[in-house]
Amino acid sequence: MISMLKRLWKEQEGQGMTEYGLIIALIAVLLTATLIAFKDKIAAVFNDMKFAP
């Protein structure tokens, strides 16, 4: 069991995509949290915009 875990830990194939997926997921979570935190200010910016007729 331990030898299998060591072998899987050393194996490099397929790790690149997993790491990219984790980075993208982290960015998505941070972006969502930022948008939720500033939702009132963002809404105010868009509500204050005046569009020319």
Protein backbone atom coordinates (compact mmCIF):
# COMPACT_ATOMS: atom_id res chain seq x y z
CA MET A 1 0.00 0.00 0.00
CA ILE A 2 2.74 2.47 0.94
CA SER A 3 4.78 1.59 -2.15
CA MET A 4 1.73 2.26 -4.34
CA LEU A 5 1.21 5.67 -2.72
CA LYS A 6 4.90 6.54 -3.19
CA ARG A 7 4.69 5.55 -6.84
CA LEU A 8 1.56 7.64 -7.37
CA TRP A 9 3.20 10.60 -5.61
CA LYS A 10 6.25 10.45 -7.89
CA GLU A 11 4.25 9.90 -11.08
CA GLN A 12 4.22 13.12 -13.11
CA GLU A 13 1.73 12.21 -15.84
CA GLY A 14 -1.60 13.99 -15.65
CA GLN A 15 -0.62 16.38 -12.88
CA GLY A 16 -0.46 19.40 -15.17
CA MET A 17 -4.14 19.42 -16.03
CA THR A 18 -5.10 18.80 -12.41
CA GLU A 19 -3.02 21.76 -11.28
CA TYR A 20 -4.53 23.99 -13.96
CA GLY A 21 -8.00 22.87 -12.91
CA LEU A 22 -7.29 23.71 -9.27
CA ILE A 23 -5.92 27.14 -10.21
CA ILE A 24 -9.00 27.89 -12.34
CA ALA A 25 -11.29 26.74 -9.53
CA LEU A 26 -9.45 28.98 -7.04
CA ILE A 27 -9.74 31.97 -9.37
CA ALA A 28 -13.46 31.29 -9.84
CA VAL A 29 -14.03 31.13 -6.08
CA LEU A 30 -12.08 34.36 -5.50
CA LEU A 31 -13.92 36.14 -8.31
CA THR A 32 -17.29 35.01 -6.97
CA ALA A 33 -16.41 36.11 -3.44
CA THR A 34 -15.24 39.50 -4.72
CA LEU A 35 -18.39 40.05 -6.74
CA ILE A 36 -20.58 39.12 -3.78
CA ALA A 37 -18.60 41.42 -1.47
CA PHE A 38 -18.89 44.40 -3.83
CA LYS A 39 -22.31 43.71 -5.35
CA ASP A 40 -23.91 46.89 -3.97
CA LYS A 41 -21.10 49.11 -5.24
CA ILE A 42 -21.11 47.41 -8.64
CA ALA A 43 -24.88 47.81 -8.90
CA ALA A 44 -24.59 51.48 -7.97
CA VAL A 45 -22.06 52.09 -10.73
CA PHE A 46 -24.35 50.58 -13.35
CA ASN A 47 -27.43 52.32 -11.96
CA ASP A 48 -25.69 55.71 -12.02
CA MET A 49 -24.77 55.38 -15.69
CA LYS A 50 -26.82 57.55 -17.97
CA PHE A 51 -27.21 56.34 -21.49
CA ALA A 52 -27.63 58.83 -24.28
CA PRO A 53 -30.96 58.46 -26.11
